[in-house]
């Protein structure tokens, strides 16, 4: 029979492992772009807004 202390220790280790693996997968899979924003994401006054591939222009 597993006692409460061992159960909590195992649960926290499992949650930590899942968190680390999730972050690693996210960092490995995310799409990187070479495009940088020159105007601090003020898209209304940007001259490159038609060809911009950054996510903020859609919001």
N, C-alpha and C. Protein backbone atom coordinates (compact mmCIF):
# COMPACT_ATOMS: atom_id res chain seq x y z
N UNK A 1 0.85 -1.18 0.00
CA UNK A 1 0.00 0.00 0.00
C UNK A 1 0.89 1.24 0.00
N UNK A 2 0.56 2.17 -0.84
CA UNK A 2 1.32 3.42 -0.95
C UNK A 2 0.75 4.42 0.07
N UNK A 3 1.65 5.09 0.79
CA UNK A 3 1.15 6.06 1.76
C UNK A 3 1.01 7.44 1.09
N UNK A 4 0.44 8.36 1.81
CA UNK A 4 0.12 9.68 1.27
C UNK A 4 1.38 10.43 0.82
N UNK A 5 2.44 10.36 1.59
CA UNK A 5 3.68 11.07 1.28
C UNK A 5 4.28 10.55 -0.04
N UNK A 6 4.32 9.25 -0.21
CA UNK A 6 4.85 8.68 -1.45
C UNK A 6 3.96 9.02 -2.64
N UNK A 7 2.65 9.01 -2.43
CA UNK A 7 1.72 9.36 -3.50
C UNK A 7 1.93 10.80 -3.96
N UNK A 8 2.03 11.74 -3.02
CA UNK A 8 2.23 13.15 -3.37
C UNK A 8 3.58 13.34 -4.05
N UNK A 9 4.61 12.69 -3.54
CA UNK A 9 5.94 12.80 -4.14
C UNK A 9 5.92 12.28 -5.59
N UNK A 10 5.30 11.14 -5.81
CA UNK A 10 5.21 10.57 -7.15
C UNK A 10 4.37 11.45 -8.07
N UNK A 11 3.28 11.98 -7.56
CA UNK A 11 2.42 12.85 -8.37
C UNK A 11 3.15 14.13 -8.77
N UNK A 12 3.86 14.75 -7.85
CA UNK A 12 4.59 15.97 -8.16
C UNK A 12 5.72 15.72 -9.14
N UNK A 13 6.40 14.60 -9.00
CA UNK A 13 7.45 14.24 -9.95
C UNK A 13 6.87 14.04 -11.35
N UNK A 14 5.74 13.37 -11.41
CA UNK A 14 5.09 13.12 -12.70
C UNK A 14 4.63 14.42 -13.35
N UNK A 15 4.04 15.31 -12.57
CA UNK A 15 3.60 16.60 -13.09
C UNK A 15 4.79 17.41 -13.58
N UNK A 16 5.88 17.40 -12.83
CA UNK A 16 7.08 18.12 -13.23
C UNK A 16 7.66 17.57 -14.52
N UNK A 17 7.70 16.25 -14.64
CA UNK A 17 8.20 15.62 -15.85
C UNK A 17 7.34 15.96 -17.05
N UNK A 18 6.03 15.91 -16.89
CA UNK A 18 5.12 16.27 -17.98
C UNK A 18 5.31 17.73 -18.38
N UNK A 19 5.50 18.61 -17.41
CA UNK A 19 5.71 20.04 -17.71
C UNK A 19 7.01 20.24 -18.49
N UNK A 20 8.07 19.60 -18.07
CA UNK A 20 9.36 19.75 -18.76
C UNK A 20 9.28 19.21 -20.18
N UNK A 21 8.67 18.05 -20.35
CA UNK A 21 8.54 17.46 -21.68
C UNK A 21 7.65 18.33 -22.57
N UNK A 22 6.57 18.86 -22.01
CA UNK A 22 5.68 19.73 -22.79
C UNK A 22 6.40 20.99 -23.27
N UNK A 23 7.17 21.61 -22.41
CA UNK A 23 7.93 22.80 -22.79
C UNK A 23 8.97 22.47 -23.85
N UNK A 24 9.64 21.34 -23.70
CA UNK A 24 10.64 20.93 -24.68
C UNK A 24 10.01 20.68 -26.05
N UNK A 25 8.86 20.03 -26.06
CA UNK A 25 8.16 19.77 -27.33
C UNK A 25 7.70 21.09 -27.95
N UNK A 26 7.17 21.98 -27.15
CA UNK A 26 6.73 23.28 -27.66
C UNK A 26 7.90 24.04 -28.29
N UNK A 27 9.03 24.06 -27.63
CA UNK A 27 10.19 24.77 -28.15
C UNK A 27 10.74 24.12 -29.41
N UNK A 28 10.62 22.82 -29.52
CA UNK A 28 11.14 22.11 -30.68
C UNK A 28 10.22 22.25 -31.90
N UNK A 29 8.92 22.39 -31.67
CA UNK A 29 7.95 22.36 -32.76
C UNK A 29 7.57 23.76 -33.24
N UNK A 30 7.74 24.76 -32.41
CA UNK A 30 7.25 26.10 -32.78
C UNK A 30 7.91 26.61 -34.05
N UNK A 31 7.18 27.45 -34.74
CA UNK A 31 7.65 28.00 -36.00
C UNK A 31 8.40 29.29 -35.73
N UNK A 32 9.60 29.36 -36.21
CA UNK A 32 10.42 30.56 -36.04
C UNK A 32 10.37 31.39 -37.31
N UNK A 33 10.31 32.68 -37.16
CA UNK A 33 10.31 33.57 -38.32
C UNK A 33 11.50 34.50 -38.22
N UNK A 34 12.04 34.86 -39.36
CA UNK A 34 13.16 35.79 -39.38
C UNK A 34 12.68 37.24 -39.37
N UNK A 35 11.39 37.42 -39.55
CA UNK A 35 10.84 38.77 -39.62
C UNK A 35 10.74 39.37 -38.21
N UNK A 36 11.14 40.61 -38.09
CA UNK A 36 11.09 41.33 -36.82
C UNK A 36 10.21 42.57 -36.98
N UNK A 37 9.57 42.96 -35.91
CA UNK A 37 8.72 44.15 -35.94
C UNK A 37 9.55 45.38 -35.59
N UNK A 38 9.48 46.39 -36.45
CA UNK A 38 10.24 47.62 -36.22
C UNK A 38 9.45 48.67 -35.44
N UNK A 39 8.12 48.54 -35.38
CA UNK A 39 7.28 49.57 -34.78
C UNK A 39 6.59 49.13 -33.50
N UNK A 40 7.13 48.15 -32.80
CA UNK A 40 6.56 47.68 -31.54
C UNK A 40 5.10 47.25 -31.72
N UNK A 41 4.83 46.57 -32.81
CA UNK A 41 3.52 46.01 -33.14
C UNK A 41 2.41 47.06 -33.22
N UNK A 42 2.72 48.22 -33.77
CA UNK A 42 1.72 49.23 -34.09
C UNK A 42 1.41 49.04 -35.57
N UNK A 43 0.55 48.10 -35.87
CA UNK A 43 0.34 47.64 -37.24
C UNK A 43 -0.36 48.66 -38.13
N UNK A 44 -1.14 49.55 -37.53
CA UNK A 44 -1.89 50.51 -38.34
C UNK A 44 -0.98 51.46 -39.11
N UNK A 45 0.17 51.79 -38.55
CA UNK A 45 1.06 52.75 -39.21
C UNK A 45 2.26 52.08 -39.87
N UNK A 46 2.21 50.77 -40.02
CA UNK A 46 3.33 50.05 -40.61
C UNK A 46 3.18 49.97 -42.13
N UNK A 47 4.29 50.14 -42.82
CA UNK A 47 4.27 50.07 -44.28
C UNK A 47 4.37 48.63 -44.77
N UNK A 48 4.76 47.71 -43.89
CA UNK A 48 4.92 46.32 -44.28
C UNK A 48 3.74 45.44 -43.86
N UNK A 49 2.62 46.03 -43.49
CA UNK A 49 1.51 45.27 -42.94
C UNK A 49 0.91 44.29 -43.96
N UNK A 50 0.96 44.58 -45.23
CA UNK A 50 0.39 43.68 -46.23
C UNK A 50 1.20 42.41 -46.40
N UNK A 51 2.50 42.49 -46.19
CA UNK A 51 3.33 41.30 -46.36
C UNK A 51 3.86 40.75 -45.03
N UNK A 52 3.31 41.22 -43.93
CA UNK A 52 3.79 40.81 -42.60
C UNK A 52 3.30 39.38 -42.28
N UNK A 53 4.19 38.59 -41.69
CA UNK A 53 3.82 37.24 -41.31
C UNK A 53 3.77 37.06 -39.80
N UNK A 54 3.86 38.13 -39.05
CA UNK A 54 3.81 38.04 -37.60
C UNK A 54 2.37 37.91 -37.12
N UNK A 55 2.18 37.30 -35.97
CA UNK A 55 0.85 37.00 -35.47
C UNK A 55 0.07 38.24 -35.02
N UNK A 56 0.74 39.25 -34.56
CA UNK A 56 0.06 40.41 -33.98
C UNK A 56 -0.76 41.19 -35.01
N UNK A 57 -0.42 41.13 -36.29
CA UNK A 57 -1.14 41.92 -37.28
C UNK A 57 -2.58 41.44 -37.43
N UNK A 58 -2.87 40.21 -37.06
CA UNK A 58 -4.21 39.67 -37.22
C UNK A 58 -5.12 40.02 -36.05
N UNK A 59 -4.57 40.60 -35.02
CA UNK A 59 -5.37 40.91 -33.83
C UNK A 59 -5.80 42.34 -33.80
